[in-house]
Amino acid sequence: MTITVNATKPDDGVLVRRPGPQELRPVRTHRRRRALELGLAVAVPLLLVLLWQLAAAQSWIDARVYPAPSTILADGWDRAGAGELWPDVWATLKRVLGGYAIGTVAGYALGLLMGSLSLVRAALEPLLDALYVVPKLALLPVFLNMFGLGEGPQIALVAATVFFFVWISTMAAVLAVPVGHRDAGQVFGASPWQMFRHVLLPASLPAVLVGARIAAGVAVLVIVASEQIAAADGLGHLIFDSRALFQNDVMFVGIVCVAVLGVVFSEVVRTVGRLLTPWAPRDRGRGRS
């Protein structure tokens, strides 16, 4: 869009709005913008990988410490083909999914309760705020005492981490629902369930799902650190055990698997959020200039 000024006299300025390509050819402009965004999303990581490969090939970096991407890919392919990689991937995945499900349900339920009832919020918020600032890995010894060795402490740690992210986003989203929405529900005689179903839930759910997507990435981060300390399998154990044995190529295979797992998990949560909230603005997709 361009704006020009046409004037025959100093006081006769007229603003003329001329449509730009986005207005004249919206479909073509949108496709070109999406192609540009996709190209950048692919080109930047690919360029970094190629630079890494070149640095290893030219001995700019020590390939024993930082193996070339081709070496990492070949080793990962061999381990996957031999069935050595999938048990660790599955161990990490089931811990993440189990803890994420528990933490999301608990955080969402308590966030709704505290966002809706001021007395509950006054009673519990100071305590939860104090627990929130405690590094979650510091709770691992507590969970080990509670559940012993095995899957329990790992799942509990992920659940505790996810709980706080979902709780905070849910409570904040409920409190942020405009008063006018609530007043409209009361004017139409909505019951408490109808107020929740038709006012609070649709108004707060987009923000809640953003918090859930952030929690998905943090859950993967926490479980990797936890598996280093108190697990005999999983991607976290694979990464740190390989580093101790100076198997740096295997270590990077584990890191790549963690990155892929985190991205896929976050995208699954994002897709579910889009399906559940078709009325919400999309946080990615249509390009804007």
C-alpha atoms as a PDB file:
ATOM      1  CA  MET A   1       0.000   0.000   0.000  1.00  0.00           C
ATOM      2  CA  THR A   2       1.266   3.470  -0.856  1.00  0.00           C
ATOM      3  CA  ILE A   3      -0.052   6.842   0.212  1.00  0.00           C
ATOM      4  CA  THR A   4       0.569   9.916  -1.898  1.00  0.00           C
ATOM      5  CA  VAL A   5      -0.399  13.534  -1.511  1.00  0.00           C
ATOM      6  CA  ASN A   6      -1.992  15.368  -4.427  1.00  0.00           C
ATOM      7  CA  ALA A   7      -2.175  19.129  -4.061  1.00  0.00           C
ATOM      8  CA  THR A   8      -2.590  22.043  -6.444  1.00  0.00           C
ATOM      9  CA  LYS A   9      -2.410  24.550  -3.583  1.00  0.00           C
ATOM     10  CA  PRO A  10      -0.613  24.315  -0.250  1.00  0.00           C
ATOM     11  CA  ASP A  11      -3.903  23.945   1.617  1.00  0.00           C
ATOM     12  CA  ASP A  12      -5.499  21.408  -0.773  1.00  0.00           C
ATOM     13  CA  GLY A  13      -3.578  18.310   0.254  1.00  0.00           C
ATOM     14  CA  VAL A  14      -5.528  15.109  -0.487  1.00  0.00           C
ATOM     15  CA  LEU A  15      -4.332  11.729   0.724  1.00  0.00           C
ATOM     16  CA  VAL A  16      -4.684   9.058  -1.945  1.00  0.00           C
ATOM     17  CA  ARG A  17      -4.414   5.441  -0.860  1.00  0.00           C
ATOM     18  CA  ARG A  18      -3.112   3.211  -3.637  1.00  0.00           C
ATOM     19  CA  PRO A  19      -3.477  -0.545  -3.077  1.00  0.00           C
ATOM     20  CA  GLY A  20      -0.258  -2.509  -2.987  1.00  0.00           C
ATOM     21  CA  PRO A  21       0.495  -6.071  -4.119  1.00  0.00           C
ATOM     22  CA  GLN A  22      -0.991  -7.535  -0.933  1.00  0.00           C
ATOM     23  CA  GLU A  23      -4.358  -5.960  -1.692  1.00  0.00           C
ATOM     24  CA  LEU A  24      -4.278  -6.449  -5.470  1.00  0.00           C
ATOM     25  CA  ARG A  25      -2.991 -10.050  -5.479  1.00  0.00           C
ATOM     26  CA  PRO A  26      -3.525 -11.436  -1.972  1.00  0.00           C
ATOM     27  CA  VAL A  27      -3.240 -15.124  -2.897  1.00  0.00           C
ATOM     28  CA  ARG A  28      -0.007 -14.693  -4.832  1.00  0.00           C
ATOM     29  CA  THR A  29       1.452 -12.454  -2.140  1.00  0.00           C
ATOM     30  CA  HIS A  30       0.555 -14.949   0.565  1.00  0.00           C
ATOM     31  CA  ARG A  31       2.149 -17.817  -1.373  1.00  0.00           C
ATOM     32  CA  ARG A  32       5.326 -15.860  -1.990  1.00  0.00           C
ATOM     33  CA  ARG A  33       5.538 -14.908   1.672  1.00  0.00           C
ATOM     34  CA  ARG A  34       5.021 -18.505   2.770  1.00  0.00           C
ATOM     35  CA  ALA A  35       7.649 -19.698   0.290  1.00  0.00           C
ATOM     36  CA  LEU A  36      10.084 -17.124   1.653  1.00  0.00           C
ATOM     37  CA  GLU A  37       9.387 -18.125   5.256  1.00  0.00           C
ATOM     38  CA  LEU A  38       9.778 -21.814   4.440  1.00  0.00           C
ATOM     39  CA  GLY A  39      12.977 -21.151   2.521  1.00  0.00           C
ATOM     40  CA  LEU A  40      14.475 -19.243   5.446  1.00  0.00           C
ATOM     41  CA  ALA A  41      13.380 -21.927   7.916  1.00  0.00           C
ATOM     42  CA  VAL A  42      15.212 -24.572   5.864  1.00  0.00           C
ATOM     43  CA  ALA A  43      18.164 -22.528   4.647  1.00  0.00           C
ATOM     44  CA  VAL A  44      19.437 -21.202   7.969  1.00  0.00           C
ATOM     45  CA  PRO A  45      19.787 -24.597   9.742  1.00  0.00           C
ATOM     46  CA  LEU A  46      21.126 -26.178   6.549  1.00  0.00           C
ATOM     47  CA  LEU A  47      23.749 -23.459   6.202  1.00  0.00           C
ATOM     48  CA  LEU A  48      24.886 -23.970   9.791  1.00  0.00           C
ATOM     49  CA  VAL A  49      25.130 -27.739   9.272  1.00  0.00           C
ATOM     50  CA  LEU A  50      27.145 -27.263   6.082  1.00  0.00           C
ATOM     51  CA  LEU A  51      29.456 -24.846   7.873  1.00  0.00           C
ATOM     52  CA  TRP A  52      29.917 -27.395  10.667  1.00  0.00           C
ATOM     53  CA  GLN A  53      30.676 -30.111   8.097  1.00  0.00           C
ATOM     54  CA  LEU A  54      33.212 -27.875   6.369  1.00  0.00           C
ATOM     55  CA  ALA A  55      34.875 -26.928   9.645  1.00  0.00           C
ATOM     56  CA  ALA A  56      35.289 -30.589  10.586  1.00  0.00           C
ATOM     57  CA  ALA A  57      36.572 -31.538   7.118  1.00  0.00           C
ATOM     58  CA  GLN A  58      39.115 -28.704   7.091  1.00  0.00           C
ATOM     59  CA  SER A  59      40.206 -29.416  10.692  1.00  0.00           C
ATOM     60  CA  TRP A  60      39.103 -25.989  11.851  1.00  0.00           C
ATOM     61  CA  ILE A  61      37.581 -27.831  14.798  1.00  0.00           C
ATOM     62  CA  ASP A  62      38.623 -31.083  16.457  1.00  0.00           C
ATOM     63  CA  ALA A  63      36.449 -33.744  14.812  1.00  0.00           C
ATOM     64  CA  ARG A  64      37.060 -36.048  17.767  1.00  0.00           C
ATOM     65  CA  VAL A  65      35.282 -33.582  20.063  1.00  0.00           C
ATOM     66  CA  TYR A  66      32.823 -32.160  17.526  1.00  0.00           C
ATOM     67  CA  PRO A  67      32.145 -34.930  14.975  1.00  0.00           C
ATOM     68  CA  ALA A  68      31.014 -33.895  11.515  1.00  0.00           C
ATOM     69  CA  PRO A  69      27.254 -34.006  10.852  1.00  0.00           C
ATOM     70  CA  SER A  70      27.818 -36.773   8.310  1.00  0.00           C
ATOM     71  CA  THR A  71      29.498 -38.875  11.013  1.00  0.00           C
ATOM     72  CA  ILE A  72      26.660 -38.221  13.450  1.00  0.00           C
ATOM     73  CA  LEU A  73      24.057 -39.113  10.815  1.00  0.00           C
ATOM     74  CA  ALA A  74      25.838 -42.326   9.868  1.00  0.00           C
ATOM     75  CA  ASP A  75      26.227 -43.385  13.491  1.00  0.00           C
ATOM     76  CA  GLY A  76      22.598 -42.603  14.279  1.00  0.00           C
ATOM     77  CA  TRP A  77      21.448 -44.544  11.226  1.00  0.00           C
ATOM     78  CA  ASP A  78      23.531 -47.554  12.229  1.00  0.00           C
ATOM     79  CA  ARG A  79      22.286 -47.488  15.832  1.00  0.00           C
ATOM     80  CA  ALA A  80      18.678 -47.128  14.711  1.00  0.00           C
ATOM     81  CA  GLY A  81      19.048 -49.975  12.224  1.00  0.00           C
ATOM     82  CA  ALA A  82      20.605 -52.194  14.872  1.00  0.00           C
ATOM     83  CA  GLY A  83      17.783 -51.394  17.312  1.00  0.00           C
ATOM     84  CA  GLU A  84      20.127 -49.797  19.850  1.00  0.00           C
ATOM     85  CA  LEU A  85      18.578 -46.318  19.745  1.00  0.00           C
ATOM     86  CA  TRP A  86      14.852 -46.989  20.022  1.00  0.00           C
ATOM     87  CA  PRO A  87      14.798 -48.319  23.612  1.00  0.00           C
ATOM     88  CA  ASP A  88      16.284 -45.032  24.849  1.00  0.00           C
ATOM     89  CA  VAL A  89      13.893 -42.982  22.720  1.00  0.00           C
ATOM     90  CA  TRP A  90      10.903 -44.934  23.995  1.00  0.00           C
ATOM     91  CA  ALA A  91      12.061 -44.700  27.638  1.00  0.00           C
ATOM     92  CA  THR A  92      12.289 -40.909  27.407  1.00  0.00           C
ATOM     93  CA  LEU A  93       9.043 -40.591  25.468  1.00  0.00           C
ATOM     94  CA  LYS A  94       6.914 -42.589  27.895  1.00  0.00           C
ATOM     95  CA  ARG A  95       8.246 -40.597  30.843  1.00  0.00           C
ATOM     96  CA  VAL A  96       7.515 -37.327  29.100  1.00  0.00           C
ATOM     97  CA  LEU A  97       4.003 -38.375  28.052  1.00  0.00           C
ATOM     98  CA  GLY A  98       3.089 -39.773  31.459  1.00  0.00           C
ATOM     99  CA  GLY A  99       4.349 -36.787  33.409  1.00  0.00           C
ATOM    100  CA  TYR A 100       2.929 -34.315  30.907  1.00  0.00           C
ATOM    101  CA  ALA A 101      -0.560 -35.816  31.105  1.00  0.00           C
ATOM    102  CA  ILE A 102      -0.599 -35.768  34.909  1.00  0.00           C
ATOM    103  CA  GLY A 103       0.859 -32.272  35.199  1.00  0.00           C
ATOM    104  CA  THR A 104      -1.459 -30.804  32.563  1.00  0.00           C
ATOM    105  CA  VAL A 105      -4.640 -32.178  34.118  1.00  0.00           C
ATOM    106  CA  ALA A 106      -3.659 -31.118  37.650  1.00  0.00           C
ATOM    107  CA  GLY A 107      -2.416 -27.687  36.584  1.00  0.00           C
ATOM    108  CA  TYR A 108      -5.482 -26.963  34.481  1.00  0.00           C
ATOM    109  CA  ALA A 109      -7.936 -28.039  37.181  1.00  0.00           C
ATOM    110  CA  LEU A 110      -6.241 -26.010  39.913  1.00  0.00           C
ATOM    111  CA  GLY A 111      -5.726 -23.030  37.608  1.00  0.00           C
ATOM    112  CA  LEU A 112      -9.439 -22.943  36.812  1.00  0.00           C
ATOM    113  CA  LEU A 113     -10.331 -23.223  40.472  1.00  0.00           C
ATOM    114  CA  MET A 114      -7.947 -20.502  41.601  1.00  0.00           C
ATOM    115  CA  GLY A 115      -8.839 -18.231  38.700  1.00  0.00           C
ATOM    116  CA  SER A 116     -12.547 -18.524  39.477  1.00  0.00           C
ATOM    117  CA  LEU A 117     -12.535 -18.412  43.294  1.00  0.00           C
ATOM    118  CA  SER A 118     -10.655 -15.602  44.984  1.00  0.00           C
ATOM    119  CA  LEU A 119     -10.612 -17.289  48.402  1.00  0.00           C
ATOM    120  CA  VAL A 120      -8.943 -20.409  46.985  1.00  0.00           C
ATOM    121  CA  ARG A 121      -6.463 -18.189  45.187  1.00  0.00           C
ATOM    122  CA  ALA A 122      -5.667 -16.273  48.380  1.00  0.00           C
ATOM    123  CA  ALA A 123      -5.134 -19.530  50.285  1.00  0.00           C
ATOM    124  CA  LEU A 124      -2.938 -21.377  47.781  1.00  0.00           C
ATOM    125  CA  GLU A 125      -1.134 -18.814  45.632  1.00  0.00           C
ATOM    126  CA  PRO A 126       1.603 -17.860  48.155  1.00  0.00           C
ATOM    127  CA  LEU A 127       2.484 -21.506  48.734  1.00  0.00           C
ATOM    128  CA  LEU A 128       2.554 -22.366  45.032  1.00  0.00           C
ATOM    129  CA  ASP A 129       4.578 -19.241  44.249  1.00  0.00           C
ATOM    130  CA  ALA A 130       7.183 -20.363  46.770  1.00  0.00           C
ATOM    131  CA  LEU A 131       7.334 -23.860  45.266  1.00  0.00           C
ATOM    132  CA  TYR A 132       7.467 -22.497  41.726  1.00  0.00           C
ATOM    133  CA  VAL A 133      10.826 -20.788  42.230  1.00  0.00           C
ATOM    134  CA  VAL A 134      12.441 -24.003  43.520  1.00  0.00           C
ATOM    135  CA  PRO A 135      14.507 -25.600  40.720  1.00  0.00           C
ATOM    136  CA  LYS A 136      12.578 -28.695  39.781  1.00  0.00           C
ATOM    137  CA  LEU A 137      15.686 -30.882  39.677  1.00  0.00           C
ATOM    138  CA  ALA A 138      16.089 -30.075  43.374  1.00  0.00           C
ATOM    139  CA  LEU A 139      12.867 -32.022  43.938  1.00  0.00           C
ATOM    140  CA  LEU A 140      14.280 -35.204  42.400  1.00  0.00           C
ATOM    141  CA  PRO A 141      15.762 -36.478  45.715  1.00  0.00           C
ATOM    142  CA  VAL A 142      12.347 -35.940  47.314  1.00  0.00           C
ATOM    143  CA  PHE A 143      10.657 -37.966  44.602  1.00  0.00           C
ATOM    144  CA  LEU A 144      13.320 -40.668  44.920  1.00  0.00           C
ATOM    145  CA  ASN A 145      12.485 -40.931  48.621  1.00  0.00           C
ATOM    146  CA  MET A 146       8.779 -41.043  47.844  1.00  0.00           C
ATOM    147  CA  PHE A 147       8.738 -43.447  44.891  1.00  0.00           C
ATOM    148  CA  GLY A 148      12.092 -45.209  45.064  1.00  0.00           C
ATOM    149  CA  LEU A 149      14.095 -46.111  41.990  1.00  0.00           C
ATOM    150  CA  GLY A 150      12.286 -46.699  38.706  1.00  0.00           C
ATOM    151  CA  GLU A 151       9.877 -44.690  36.595  1.00  0.00           C
ATOM    152  CA  GLY A 152       8.029 -42.982  39.438  1.00  0.00           C
ATOM    153  CA  PRO A 153      10.555 -40.213  40.220  1.00  0.00           C
ATOM    154  CA  GLN A 154      11.062 -39.388  36.537  1.00  0.00           C
ATOM    155  CA  ILE A 155       7.354 -39.094  35.797  1.00  0.00           C
ATOM    156  CA  ALA A 156       6.733 -37.140  39.004  1.00  0.00           C
ATOM    157  CA  LEU A 157       9.474 -34.652  38.142  1.00  0.00           C
ATOM    158  CA  VAL A 158       8.015 -34.015  34.672  1.00  0.00           C
ATOM    159  CA  ALA A 159       4.519 -33.739  36.151  1.00  0.00           C
ATOM    160  CA  ALA A 160       5.667 -31.182  38.737  1.00  0.00           C
ATOM    161  CA  THR A 161       7.411 -29.113  36.068  1.00  0.00           C
ATOM    162  CA  VAL A 162       4.469 -29.138  33.674  1.00  0.00           C
ATOM    163  CA  PHE A 163       2.005 -28.469  36.497  1.00  0.00           C
ATOM    164  CA  PHE A 164       3.420 -25.040  37.305  1.00  0.00           C
ATOM    165  CA  PHE A 165       3.490 -23.857  33.696  1.00  0.00           C
ATOM    166  CA  VAL A 166      -0.090 -24.958  33.064  1.00  0.00           C
ATOM    167  CA  TRP A 167      -1.333 -23.712  36.428  1.00  0.00           C
ATOM    168  CA  ILE A 168       0.102 -20.225  35.936  1.00  0.00           C
ATOM    169  CA  SER A 169      -1.128 -19.877  32.349  1.00  0.00           C
ATOM    170  CA  THR A 170      -4.598 -21.188  33.232  1.00  0.00           C
ATOM    171  CA  MET A 171      -5.095 -18.986  36.284  1.00  0.00           C
ATOM    172  CA  ALA A 172      -3.822 -15.910  34.425  1.00  0.00           C
ATOM    173  CA  ALA A 173      -6.051 -16.683  31.433  1.00  0.00           C
ATOM    174  CA  VAL A 174      -9.168 -17.041  33.582  1.00  0.00           C
ATOM    175  CA  LEU A 175      -8.411 -13.819  35.448  1.00  0.00           C
ATOM    176  CA  ALA A 176      -7.884 -12.033  32.134  1.00  0.00           C
ATOM    177  CA  VAL A 177     -11.355 -12.871  30.804  1.00  0.00           C
ATOM    178  CA  PRO A 178     -12.999  -9.446  30.287  1.00  0.00           C
ATOM    179  CA  VAL A 179     -15.592  -8.444  32.851  1.00  0.00           C
ATOM    180  CA  GLY A 180     -17.984  -7.679  30.015  1.00  0.00           C
ATOM    181  CA  HIS A 181     -17.994 -11.339  28.999  1.00  0.00           C
ATOM    182  CA  ARG A 182     -18.927 -12.386  32.513  1.00  0.00           C
ATOM    183  CA  ASP A 183     -21.585  -9.685  32.769  1.00  0.00           C
ATOM    184  CA  ALA A 184     -23.119 -10.816  29.494  1.00  0.00           C
ATOM    185  CA  GLY A 185     -23.393 -14.364  30.811  1.00  0.00           C
ATOM    186  CA  GLN A 186     -25.059 -13.171  33.997  1.00  0.00           C
ATOM    187  CA  VAL A 187     -27.512 -11.007  32.046  1.00  0.00           C
ATOM    188  CA  PHE A 188     -28.604 -14.052  30.071  1.00  0.00           C
ATOM    189  CA  GLY A 189     -29.030 -16.024  33.279  1.00  0.00           C
ATOM    190  CA  ALA A 190     -26.159 -18.461  32.729  1.00  0.00           C
ATOM    191  CA  SER A 191     -25.690 -21.100  35.395  1.00  0.00           C
ATOM    192  CA  PRO A 192     -22.176 -21.693  36.824  1.00  0.00           C
ATOM    193  CA  TRP A 193     -21.668 -24.573  34.386  1.00  0.00           C
ATOM    194  CA  GLN A 194     -22.940 -22.515  31.433  1.00  0.00           C
ATOM    195  CA  MET A 195     -20.699 -19.622  32.493  1.00  0.00           C
ATOM    196  CA  PHE A 196     -17.714 -21.969  32.445  1.00  0.00           C
ATOM    197  CA  ARG A 197     -18.724 -23.775  29.250  1.00  0.00           C
ATOM    198  CA  HIS A 198     -19.674 -20.756  27.128  1.00  0.00           C
ATOM    199  CA  VAL A 199     -17.649 -17.879  28.631  1.00  0.00           C
ATOM    200  CA  LEU A 200     -14.597 -18.836  30.693  1.00  0.00           C
ATOM    201  CA  LEU A 201     -13.521 -21.894  28.713  1.00  0.00           C
ATOM    202  CA  PRO A 202     -13.512 -20.430  25.161  1.00  0.00           C
ATOM    203  CA  ALA A 203     -12.086 -17.098  26.341  1.00  0.00           C
ATOM    204  CA  SER A 204      -9.198 -18.610  28.318  1.00  0.00           C
ATOM    205  CA  LEU A 205      -8.368 -21.766  26.364  1.00  0.00           C
ATOM    206  CA  PRO A 206      -6.055 -20.171  23.719  1.00  0.00           C
ATOM    207  CA  ALA A 207      -3.752 -18.747  26.410  1.00  0.00           C
ATOM    208  CA  VAL A 208      -3.882 -22.016  28.344  1.00  0.00           C
ATOM    209  CA  LEU A 209      -2.747 -23.951  25.282  1.00  0.00           C
ATOM    210  CA  VAL A 210       0.168 -21.581  24.762  1.00  0.00           C
ATOM    211  CA  GLY A 211       1.325 -22.421  28.276  1.00  0.00           C
ATOM    212  CA  ALA A 212       0.822 -26.117  27.567  1.00  0.00           C
ATOM    213  CA  ARG A 213       3.005 -25.882  24.468  1.00  0.00           C
ATOM    214  CA  ILE A 214       5.785 -24.168  26.426  1.00  0.00           C
ATOM    215  CA  ALA A 215       5.462 -26.870  29.071  1.00  0.00           C
ATOM    216  CA  ALA A 216       5.939 -29.548  26.399  1.00  0.00           C
ATOM    217  CA  GLY A 217       9.381 -28.223  25.535  1.00  0.00           C
ATOM    218  CA  VAL A 218      10.371 -27.789  29.166  1.00  0.00           C
ATOM    219  CA  ALA A 219       9.234 -31.350  29.947  1.00  0.00           C
ATOM    220  CA  VAL A 220      11.744 -32.736  27.444  1.00  0.00           C
ATOM    221  CA  LEU A 221      14.456 -30.522  28.902  1.00  0.00           C
ATOM    222  CA  VAL A 222      13.812 -31.670  32.465  1.00  0.00           C
ATOM    223  CA  ILE A 223      13.637 -35.376  31.696  1.00  0.00           C
ATOM    224  CA  VAL A 224      16.997 -35.283  29.910  1.00  0.00           C
ATOM    225  CA  ALA A 225      18.642 -33.749  32.967  1.00  0.00           C
ATOM    226  CA  SER A 226      16.835 -36.162  35.280  1.00  0.00           C
ATOM    227  CA  GLU A 227      17.874 -39.241  33.298  1.00  0.00           C
ATOM    228  CA  GLN A 228      21.489 -38.238  33.744  1.00  0.00           C
ATOM    229  CA  ILE A 229      21.113 -38.464  37.525  1.00  0.00           C
ATOM    230  CA  ALA A 230      18.691 -41.282  38.255  1.00  0.00           C
ATOM    231  CA  ALA A 231      18.064 -43.486  35.219  1.00  0.00           C
ATOM    232  CA  ALA A 232      19.717 -46.444  33.529  1.00  0.00           C
ATOM    233  CA  ASP A 233      18.219 -45.697  30.105  1.00  0.00           C
ATOM    234  CA  GLY A 234      16.704 -42.874  28.104  1.00  0.00           C
ATOM    235  CA  LEU A 235      18.187 -40.198  25.885  1.00  0.00           C
ATOM    236  CA  GLY A 236      19.533 -38.217  28.813  1.00  0.00           C
ATOM    237  CA  HIS A 237      21.409 -41.258  30.095  1.00  0.00           C
ATOM    238  CA  LEU A 238      22.668 -41.945  26.573  1.00  0.00           C
ATOM    239  CA  ILE A 239      24.029 -38.412  26.170  1.00  0.00           C
ATOM    240  CA  PHE A 240      25.899 -38.186  29.446  1.00  0.00           C
ATOM    241  CA  ASP A 241      27.063 -41.805  29.502  1.00  0.00           C
ATOM    242  CA  SER A 242      28.495 -41.407  25.990  1.00  0.00           C
ATOM    243  CA  ARG A 243      30.288 -38.232  27.047  1.00  0.00           C
ATOM    244  CA  ALA A 244      31.877 -40.060  29.980  1.00  0.00           C
ATOM    245  CA  LEU A 245      33.090 -42.782  27.586  1.00  0.00           C
ATOM    246  CA  PHE A 246      34.367 -40.164  25.071  1.00  0.00           C
ATOM    247  CA  GLN A 247      31.889 -41.404  22.440  1.00  0.00           C
ATOM    248  CA  ASN A 248      31.099 -37.921  21.223  1.00  0.00           C
ATOM    249  CA  ASP A 249      29.402 -39.075  18.036  1.00  0.00           C
ATOM    250  CA  VAL A 250      26.900 -41.075  20.099  1.00  0.00           C
ATOM    251  CA  MET A 251      26.454 -38.087  22.402  1.00  0.00           C
ATOM    252  CA  PHE A 252      25.470 -35.885  19.458  1.00  0.00           C
ATOM    253  CA  VAL A 253      23.103 -38.575  18.185  1.00  0.00           C
ATOM    254  CA  GLY A 254      21.306 -38.335  21.518  1.00  0.00           C
ATOM    255  CA  ILE A 255      21.234 -34.542  21.351  1.00  0.00           C
ATOM    256  CA  VAL A 256      19.721 -34.619  17.858  1.00  0.00           C
ATOM    257  CA  CYS A 257      17.083 -37.116  19.015  1.00  0.00           C
ATOM    258  CA  VAL A 258      16.188 -34.861  21.941  1.00  0.00           C
ATOM    259  CA  ALA A 259      15.849 -31.871  19.600  1.00  0.00           C
ATOM    260  CA  VAL A 260      13.622 -33.817  17.204  1.00  0.00           C
ATOM    261  CA  LEU A 261      11.520 -35.176  20.078  1.00  0.00           C
ATOM    262  CA  GLY A 262      11.043 -31.699  21.541  1.00  0.00           C
ATOM    263  CA  VAL A 263      10.053 -30.155  18.212  1.00  0.00           C
ATOM    264  CA  VAL A 264       7.624 -32.952  17.322  1.00  0.00           C
ATOM    265  CA  PHE A 265       6.024 -32.936  20.767  1.00  0.00           C
ATOM    266  CA  SER A 266       5.599 -29.146  20.743  1.00  0.00           C
ATOM    267  CA  GLU A 267       4.107 -29.246  17.243  1.00  0.00           C
ATOM    268  CA  VAL A 268       1.651 -31.959  18.266  1.00  0.00           C
ATOM    269  CA  VAL A 269       0.489 -29.794  21.174  1.00  0.00           C
ATOM    270  CA  ARG A 270       0.270 -26.794  18.819  1.00  0.00           C
ATOM    271  CA  THR A 271      -1.829 -28.771  16.324  1.00  0.00           C
ATOM    272  CA  VAL A 272      -4.172 -30.005  19.045  1.00  0.00           C
ATOM    273  CA  GLY A 273      -4.527 -26.424  20.231  1.00  0.00           C
ATOM    274  CA  ARG A 274      -5.509 -25.254  16.762  1.00  0.00           C
ATOM    275  CA  LEU A 275      -8.123 -27.984  16.504  1.00  0.00           C
ATOM    276  CA  LEU A 276      -9.571 -27.143  19.917  1.00  0.00           C
ATOM    277  CA  THR A 277      -9.584 -23.369  19.394  1.00  0.00           C
ATOM    278  CA  PRO A 278     -10.425 -22.585  15.754  1.00  0.00           C
ATOM    279  CA  TRP A 279     -11.594 -19.129  16.854  1.00  0.00           C
ATOM    280  CA  ALA A 280      -8.196 -18.136  18.268  1.00  0.00           C
ATOM    281  CA  PRO A 281      -5.598 -16.151  16.277  1.00  0.00           C
ATOM    282  CA  ARG A 282      -2.928 -18.396  14.815  1.00  0.00           C
ATOM    283  CA  ASP A 283       0.549 -17.770  16.213  1.00  0.00           C
ATOM    284  CA  ARG A 284       2.186 -18.981  13.005  1.00  0.00           C
ATOM    285  CA  GLY A 285       1.058 -19.287   9.438  1.00  0.00           C
ATOM    286  CA  ARG A 286      -0.202 -16.337   7.503  1.00  0.00           C
ATOM    287  CA  GLY A 287       2.632 -13.974   6.772  1.00  0.00           C
ATOM    288  CA  ARG A 288       2.279 -10.333   7.624  1.00  0.00           C
ATOM    289  CA  SER A 289       4.411  -7.526   6.334  1.00  0.00           C
END
